Amino acid sequence: MTEDQRRATVDRDSVCAGDDCESHAASFLTSSSVSAIEFLQEALRASPLAGIACGQATWLIDTAGAGQACIGVIAEQWARPRLLIDEQTSVEKLFGERAATVYFRYWCQASPEAVFEALRAGKALPPRFGP
């Protein structure tokens, strides 16, 4: 491991009973200088999200940076994650001296647009299972 590299961890929720037969937790090496969006791409390669039959899954992106914080949303119907932080924020700035840890929280088939807007506005999240 080089001086700029650091170990990172990723995990995610299970989406159904059969999905929890194996751990989703993984570790990987990253660089302190990579951007938040690059870090998420590395994390998703290390521990891919489960595919959902209807193709409409919504995931919250939680970090253990400054406490447990949600930094954005991933949706199967979107081409890329939408972040609440600047995508170019470095891993070093995002996590500081703390462990670089990301957790993907399954928010079922809730509208990712509504979830993202609620997070951005600091409001309560829409129900996971619809209205």
N, C-alpha and C. Protein backbone atom coordinates (compact mmCIF):
# COMPACT_ATOMS: atom_id res chain seq x y z
N MET A 1 0.86 -1.18 0.00
CA MET A 1 0.00 0.00 0.00
C MET A 1 0.90 1.23 0.00
N THR A 2 0.64 2.15 -0.92
CA THR A 2 1.43 3.37 -0.99
C THR A 2 0.95 4.36 0.07
N GLU A 3 1.70 5.42 0.22
CA GLU A 3 1.38 6.43 1.23
C GLU A 3 0.01 7.07 1.00
N ASP A 4 -0.36 7.26 -0.28
CA ASP A 4 -1.64 7.89 -0.62
C ASP A 4 -2.82 6.92 -0.52
N GLN A 5 -2.55 5.63 -0.51
CA GLN A 5 -3.63 4.65 -0.48
C GLN A 5 -4.15 4.45 0.94
N ARG A 6 -5.41 4.09 0.99
CA ARG A 6 -6.02 3.73 2.27
C ARG A 6 -7.06 2.65 2.03
N ARG A 7 -7.28 1.85 3.03
CA ARG A 7 -8.27 0.78 2.95
C ARG A 7 -9.65 1.39 3.17
N ALA A 8 -10.60 0.94 2.38
CA ALA A 8 -11.98 1.40 2.49
C ALA A 8 -12.88 0.18 2.63
N THR A 9 -14.06 0.39 3.19
CA THR A 9 -15.02 -0.70 3.32
C THR A 9 -16.37 -0.27 2.77
N VAL A 10 -17.11 -1.26 2.29
CA VAL A 10 -18.43 -1.03 1.73
C VAL A 10 -19.33 -2.17 2.17
N ASP A 11 -20.60 -1.86 2.37
CA ASP A 11 -21.60 -2.87 2.69
C ASP A 11 -22.94 -2.34 2.20
N ARG A 12 -23.92 -3.21 2.17
CA ARG A 12 -25.25 -2.80 1.73
C ARG A 12 -26.31 -3.63 2.41
N ASP A 13 -27.54 -3.12 2.37
CA ASP A 13 -28.70 -3.87 2.86
C ASP A 13 -28.98 -5.05 1.95
N SER A 14 -29.63 -6.05 2.51
CA SER A 14 -30.17 -7.14 1.70
C SER A 14 -31.53 -6.70 1.17
N VAL A 15 -31.90 -7.20 0.00
CA VAL A 15 -33.18 -6.80 -0.59
C VAL A 15 -34.26 -7.86 -0.41
N CYS A 16 -33.87 -9.07 -0.05
CA CYS A 16 -34.84 -10.14 0.19
C CYS A 16 -34.15 -11.24 0.99
N ALA A 17 -34.89 -12.21 1.45
CA ALA A 17 -34.33 -13.26 2.29
C ALA A 17 -33.20 -14.01 1.60
N GLY A 18 -33.33 -14.33 0.34
CA GLY A 18 -32.29 -15.05 -0.38
C GLY A 18 -31.04 -14.24 -0.62
N ASP A 19 -31.14 -12.93 -0.51
CA ASP A 19 -30.01 -12.04 -0.75
C ASP A 19 -29.07 -11.96 0.44
N ASP A 20 -29.51 -12.48 1.59
CA ASP A 20 -28.66 -12.36 2.78
C ASP A 20 -27.91 -13.65 3.11
N CYS A 21 -27.80 -14.57 2.15
CA CYS A 21 -27.07 -15.82 2.38
C CYS A 21 -25.56 -15.58 2.47
N GLU A 22 -25.08 -14.56 1.80
CA GLU A 22 -23.67 -14.19 1.84
C GLU A 22 -23.53 -12.74 2.27
N SER A 23 -22.41 -12.45 2.90
CA SER A 23 -22.14 -11.07 3.30
C SER A 23 -21.92 -10.21 2.06
N HIS A 24 -22.37 -8.97 2.13
CA HIS A 24 -22.15 -8.01 1.06
C HIS A 24 -20.97 -7.09 1.37
N ALA A 25 -20.43 -7.25 2.58
CA ALA A 25 -19.32 -6.40 3.01
C ALA A 25 -18.07 -6.73 2.22
N ALA A 26 -17.33 -5.70 1.88
CA ALA A 26 -16.09 -5.88 1.15
C ALA A 26 -15.14 -4.75 1.53
N SER A 27 -13.87 -4.99 1.32
CA SER A 27 -12.89 -3.92 1.50
C SER A 27 -12.12 -3.76 0.19
N PHE A 28 -11.58 -2.59 0.01
CA PHE A 28 -10.84 -2.28 -1.21
C PHE A 28 -9.86 -1.17 -0.92
N LEU A 29 -8.88 -1.02 -1.78
CA LEU A 29 -7.93 0.07 -1.65
C LEU A 29 -8.39 1.24 -2.49
N THR A 30 -8.25 2.42 -1.93
CA THR A 30 -8.58 3.65 -2.65
C THR A 30 -7.46 4.64 -2.39
N SER A 31 -7.54 5.76 -3.04
CA SER A 31 -6.57 6.83 -2.85
C SER A 31 -7.24 7.96 -2.08
N SER A 32 -6.50 8.59 -1.22
CA SER A 32 -7.04 9.73 -0.47
C SER A 32 -7.44 10.88 -1.39
N SER A 33 -6.86 10.90 -2.59
CA SER A 33 -7.12 12.02 -3.50
C SER A 33 -8.26 11.77 -4.49
N VAL A 34 -8.81 10.55 -4.56
CA VAL A 34 -9.90 10.33 -5.51
C VAL A 34 -11.14 11.10 -5.08
N SER A 35 -11.96 11.43 -6.05
CA SER A 35 -13.19 12.19 -5.77
C SER A 35 -14.26 11.27 -5.18
N ALA A 36 -15.25 11.88 -4.59
CA ALA A 36 -16.37 11.13 -4.00
C ALA A 36 -17.05 10.25 -5.03
N ILE A 37 -17.24 10.77 -6.24
CA ILE A 37 -17.93 9.98 -7.27
C ILE A 37 -17.06 8.81 -7.71
N GLU A 38 -15.75 9.00 -7.81
CA GLU A 38 -14.85 7.89 -8.14
C GLU A 38 -14.83 6.86 -7.02
N PHE A 39 -14.84 7.34 -5.78
CA PHE A 39 -14.86 6.44 -4.63
C PHE A 39 -16.11 5.57 -4.65
N LEU A 40 -17.25 6.15 -4.98
CA LEU A 40 -18.49 5.37 -5.06
C LEU A 40 -18.42 4.32 -6.16
N GLN A 41 -17.81 4.67 -7.28
CA GLN A 41 -17.63 3.69 -8.36
C GLN A 41 -16.76 2.53 -7.90
N GLU A 42 -15.69 2.83 -7.15
CA GLU A 42 -14.84 1.77 -6.60
C GLU A 42 -15.62 0.90 -5.63
N ALA A 43 -16.42 1.53 -4.78
CA ALA A 43 -17.21 0.79 -3.80
C ALA A 43 -18.22 -0.13 -4.48
N LEU A 44 -18.86 0.36 -5.53
CA LEU A 44 -19.84 -0.45 -6.26
C LEU A 44 -19.18 -1.62 -7.01
N ARG A 45 -17.94 -1.44 -7.44
CA ARG A 45 -17.23 -2.57 -8.04
C ARG A 45 -16.90 -3.62 -6.98
N ALA A 46 -16.56 -3.18 -5.78
CA ALA A 46 -16.21 -4.09 -4.69
C ALA A 46 -17.43 -4.84 -4.15
N SER A 47 -18.57 -4.17 -4.13
CA SER A 47 -19.81 -4.77 -3.61
C SER A 47 -20.99 -4.25 -4.43
N PRO A 48 -21.28 -4.89 -5.57
CA PRO A 48 -22.36 -4.42 -6.44
C PRO A 48 -23.73 -4.45 -5.73
N LEU A 49 -24.57 -3.52 -6.13
CA LEU A 49 -25.93 -3.50 -5.59
C LEU A 49 -26.74 -4.63 -6.22
N ALA A 50 -27.72 -5.10 -5.50
CA ALA A 50 -28.59 -6.16 -6.02
C ALA A 50 -29.48 -5.56 -7.11
N GLY A 51 -29.71 -6.33 -8.15
CA GLY A 51 -30.67 -5.92 -9.18
C GLY A 51 -32.07 -6.27 -8.71
N ILE A 52 -33.01 -5.43 -9.00
CA ILE A 52 -34.40 -5.63 -8.58
C ILE A 52 -35.22 -5.98 -9.83
N ALA A 53 -36.11 -6.93 -9.68
CA ALA A 53 -36.89 -7.43 -10.83
C ALA A 53 -37.58 -6.30 -11.60
N CYS A 54 -38.15 -5.35 -10.92
CA CYS A 54 -38.86 -4.27 -11.61
C CYS A 54 -37.92 -3.17 -12.09
N GLY A 55 -36.63 -3.23 -11.68
CA GLY A 55 -35.66 -2.25 -12.13
C GLY A 55 -35.87 -0.85 -11.60
N GLN A 56 -36.46 -0.73 -10.43
CA GLN A 56 -36.77 0.59 -9.89
C GLN A 56 -36.26 0.79 -8.46
N ALA A 57 -35.14 0.16 -8.10
CA ALA A 57 -34.63 0.26 -6.73
C ALA A 57 -34.03 1.63 -6.46
N THR A 58 -34.21 2.09 -5.22
CA THR A 58 -33.63 3.33 -4.74
C THR A 58 -32.72 3.00 -3.56
N TRP A 59 -31.52 3.56 -3.57
CA TRP A 59 -30.55 3.31 -2.51
C TRP A 59 -30.05 4.64 -1.96
N LEU A 60 -29.94 4.73 -0.64
CA LEU A 60 -29.32 5.87 0.01
C LEU A 60 -27.84 5.57 0.18
N ILE A 61 -27.01 6.56 0.05
CA ILE A 61 -25.56 6.40 0.19
C ILE A 61 -25.16 7.01 1.53
N ASP A 62 -24.84 6.14 2.48
CA ASP A 62 -24.44 6.60 3.82
C ASP A 62 -22.93 6.48 3.98
N THR A 63 -22.34 7.44 4.65
CA THR A 63 -20.92 7.37 4.96
C THR A 63 -20.73 7.47 6.46
N ALA A 64 -19.58 7.05 6.88
CA ALA A 64 -19.23 7.19 8.30
C ALA A 64 -18.21 8.31 8.44
N GLY A 65 -18.33 9.33 7.60
CA GLY A 65 -17.40 10.46 7.65
C GLY A 65 -17.63 11.28 8.90
N ALA A 66 -18.35 12.34 8.80
CA ALA A 66 -18.65 13.20 9.95
C ALA A 66 -19.90 12.64 10.61
N GLY A 67 -19.76 11.56 11.33
CA GLY A 67 -20.92 10.85 11.86
C GLY A 67 -21.51 10.03 10.73
N GLN A 68 -22.65 9.45 10.95
CA GLN A 68 -23.31 8.69 9.89
C GLN A 68 -24.12 9.68 9.06
N ALA A 69 -23.69 9.92 7.84
CA ALA A 69 -24.33 10.93 7.02
C ALA A 69 -24.74 10.36 5.67
N CYS A 70 -25.90 10.73 5.20
CA CYS A 70 -26.35 10.35 3.87
C CYS A 70 -25.83 11.40 2.90
N ILE A 71 -25.08 10.95 1.89
CA ILE A 71 -24.49 11.90 0.96
C ILE A 71 -25.13 11.87 -0.42
N GLY A 72 -26.14 11.00 -0.61
CA GLY A 72 -26.77 10.97 -1.93
C GLY A 72 -27.66 9.77 -2.15
N VAL A 73 -28.07 9.62 -3.40
CA VAL A 73 -29.03 8.59 -3.79
C VAL A 73 -28.54 7.92 -5.08
N ILE A 74 -28.74 6.61 -5.14
CA ILE A 74 -28.52 5.84 -6.36
C ILE A 74 -29.86 5.23 -6.74
N ALA A 75 -30.19 5.27 -8.00
CA ALA A 75 -31.43 4.66 -8.49
C ALA A 75 -31.12 3.86 -9.74
N GLU A 76 -31.74 2.70 -9.85
CA GLU A 76 -31.51 1.86 -11.03
C GLU A 76 -31.87 2.60 -12.32
N GLN A 77 -32.85 3.48 -12.25
CA GLN A 77 -33.29 4.18 -13.46
C GLN A 77 -32.44 5.42 -13.78
N TRP A 78 -31.48 5.75 -12.95
CA TRP A 78 -30.58 6.86 -13.22
C TRP A 78 -29.27 6.35 -13.78
N ALA A 79 -28.63 7.12 -14.61
CA ALA A 79 -27.34 6.74 -15.19
C ALA A 79 -26.20 6.85 -14.17
N ARG A 80 -26.36 7.73 -13.17
CA ARG A 80 -25.30 7.94 -12.18
C ARG A 80 -25.90 8.40 -10.85
N PRO A 81 -25.17 8.22 -9.77
CA PRO A 81 -25.66 8.69 -8.47
C PRO A 81 -25.84 10.21 -8.46
N ARG A 82 -26.72 10.67 -7.61
CA ARG A 82 -26.87 12.11 -7.37
C ARG A 82 -26.42 12.37 -5.94
N LEU A 83 -25.47 13.27 -5.81
CA LEU A 83 -24.87 13.53 -4.50
C LEU A 83 -25.33 14.85 -3.91
N LEU A 84 -25.36 14.87 -2.59
CA LEU A 84 -25.69 16.08 -1.84
C LEU A 84 -24.44 16.90 -1.55
N ILE A 85 -23.30 16.33 -1.86
CA ILE A 85 -22.01 17.00 -1.68
C ILE A 85 -21.42 17.21 -3.07
N ASP A 86 -20.39 18.01 -3.15
CA ASP A 86 -19.69 18.22 -4.41
C ASP A 86 -19.07 16.89 -4.83
N GLU A 87 -19.33 16.44 -6.05
CA GLU A 87 -18.81 15.16 -6.54
C GLU A 87 -17.29 15.11 -6.51
N GLN A 88 -16.64 16.25 -6.56
CA GLN A 88 -15.18 16.29 -6.60
C GLN A 88 -14.54 16.32 -5.21
N THR A 89 -15.36 16.27 -4.15
CA THR A 89 -14.83 16.21 -2.79
C THR A 89 -13.92 14.99 -2.68
N SER A 90 -12.71 15.18 -2.18
CA SER A 90 -11.76 14.05 -2.09
C SER A 90 -12.13 13.13 -0.93
N VAL A 91 -11.66 11.90 -1.04
CA VAL A 91 -11.83 10.93 0.05
C VAL A 91 -11.23 11.49 1.33
N GLU A 92 -10.07 12.13 1.20
CA GLU A 92 -9.42 12.71 2.38
C GLU A 92 -10.32 13.75 3.06
N LYS A 93 -10.92 14.61 2.26
CA LYS A 93 -11.80 15.64 2.83
C LYS A 93 -13.10 15.03 3.37
N LEU A 94 -13.63 14.05 2.67
CA LEU A 94 -14.89 13.43 3.07
C LEU A 94 -14.76 12.66 4.39
N PHE A 95 -13.66 11.94 4.56
CA PHE A 95 -13.53 11.07 5.73
C PHE A 95 -12.51 11.55 6.76
N GLY A 96 -11.61 12.43 6.36
CA GLY A 96 -10.57 12.86 7.29
C GLY A 96 -9.74 11.68 7.74
N GLU A 97 -9.49 11.58 9.02
CA GLU A 97 -8.71 10.48 9.58
C GLU A 97 -9.55 9.23 9.85
N ARG A 98 -10.88 9.38 9.76
CA ARG A 98 -11.77 8.24 10.02
C ARG A 98 -11.69 7.22 8.89
N ALA A 99 -12.16 6.04 9.17
CA ALA A 99 -12.19 4.98 8.15
C ALA A 99 -13.08 5.41 6.99
N ALA A 100 -12.65 5.11 5.78
CA ALA A 100 -13.44 5.40 4.58
C ALA A 100 -14.47 4.28 4.43
N THR A 101 -15.68 4.55 4.86
CA THR A 101 -16.73 3.54 4.90
C THR A 101 -17.99 4.05 4.24
N VAL A 102 -18.57 3.22 3.38
CA VAL A 102 -19.84 3.58 2.73
C VAL A 102 -20.81 2.42 2.90
N TYR A 103 -22.07 2.78 3.11
CA TYR A 103 -23.12 1.78 3.28
C TYR A 103 -24.29 2.18 2.38
N PHE A 104 -24.76 1.23 1.58
CA PHE A 104 -25.88 1.50 0.69
C PHE A 104 -27.15 0.96 1.35
N ARG A 105 -28.06 1.88 1.65
CA ARG A 105 -29.30 1.55 2.35
C ARG A 105 -30.43 1.45 1.33
N TYR A 106 -31.06 0.28 1.26
CA TYR A 106 -32.13 0.02 0.30
C TYR A 106 -33.39 0.77 0.71
N TRP A 107 -33.89 1.61 -0.17
CA TRP A 107 -35.11 2.38 0.11
C TRP A 107 -36.24 1.90 -0.80
N CYS A 108 -36.20 0.61 -1.10
CA CYS A 108 -37.22 -0.08 -1.89
C CYS A 108 -37.49 0.64 -3.22
N GLN A 109 -38.76 0.72 -3.56
CA GLN A 109 -39.11 1.34 -4.84
C GLN A 109 -39.67 2.76 -4.67
N ALA A 110 -39.29 3.40 -3.57
CA ALA A 110 -39.70 4.80 -3.39
C ALA A 110 -39.15 5.63 -4.55
N SER A 111 -39.86 6.66 -4.93
CA SER A 111 -39.41 7.53 -6.02
C SER A 111 -38.05 8.12 -5.67
N PRO A 112 -37.01 7.84 -6.47
CA PRO A 112 -35.70 8.40 -6.16
C PRO A 112 -35.69 9.93 -6.23
N GLU A 113 -36.51 10.49 -7.12
CA GLU A 113 -36.61 11.95 -7.20
C GLU A 113 -37.13 12.53 -5.88
N ALA A 114 -38.20 11.91 -5.35
CA ALA A 114 -38.79 12.37 -4.09
C ALA A 114 -37.81 12.18 -2.93
N VAL A 115 -37.09 11.07 -2.94
CA VAL A 115 -36.11 10.80 -1.88
C VAL A 115 -35.00 11.83 -1.93
N PHE A 116 -34.47 12.08 -3.12
CA PHE A 116 -33.38 13.05 -3.26
C PHE A 116 -33.83 14.45 -2.85
N GLU A 117 -35.00 14.86 -3.30
CA GLU A 117 -35.51 16.19 -2.95
C GLU A 117 -35.74 16.33 -1.45
N ALA A 118 -36.25 15.28 -0.80
CA ALA A 118 -36.45 15.31 0.65
C ALA A 118 -35.11 15.46 1.37
N LEU A 119 -34.12 14.71 0.94
CA LEU A 119 -32.79 14.83 1.55
C LEU A 119 -32.22 16.23 1.36
N ARG A 120 -32.35 16.74 0.14
CA ARG A 120 -31.80 18.07 -0.16
C ARG A 120 -32.49 19.16 0.65
N ALA A 121 -33.79 18.99 0.89
CA ALA A 121 -34.55 19.99 1.65
C ALA A 121 -34.51 19.75 3.15
N GLY A 122 -33.89 18.65 3.59
CA GLY A 122 -33.83 18.34 5.03
C GLY A 122 -35.16 17.88 5.58
N LYS A 123 -36.00 17.31 4.74
CA LYS A 123 -37.32 16.85 5.16
C LYS A 123 -37.30 15.35 5.40
N ALA A 124 -38.39 14.84 5.97
CA ALA A 124 -38.53 13.41 6.19
C ALA A 124 -38.56 12.68 4.85
N LEU A 125 -37.95 11.51 4.83
CA LEU A 125 -37.95 10.71 3.59
C LEU A 125 -39.31 10.14 3.31
N PRO A 126 -39.65 9.96 2.05
CA PRO A 126 -40.91 9.29 1.71
C PRO A 126 -40.86 7.84 2.23
N PRO A 127 -42.01 7.24 2.47
CA PRO A 127 -42.01 5.86 2.96
C PRO A 127 -41.30 4.92 1.97
N ARG A 128 -40.64 3.94 2.51
CA ARG A 128 -39.94 2.96 1.68
C ARG A 128 -40.90 2.19 0.78
N PHE A 129 -42.06 1.88 1.29
CA PHE A 129 -42.98 0.97 0.63
C PHE A 129 -44.14 1.68 -0.05
N GLY A 130 -43.96 2.94 -0.41
CA GLY A 130 -45.02 3.68 -1.10
C GLY A 130 -45.97 4.36 -0.13
N PRO A 131 -46.90 5.11 -0.67
CA PRO A 131 -47.81 5.90 0.18
C PRO A 131 -48.77 5.04 0.97
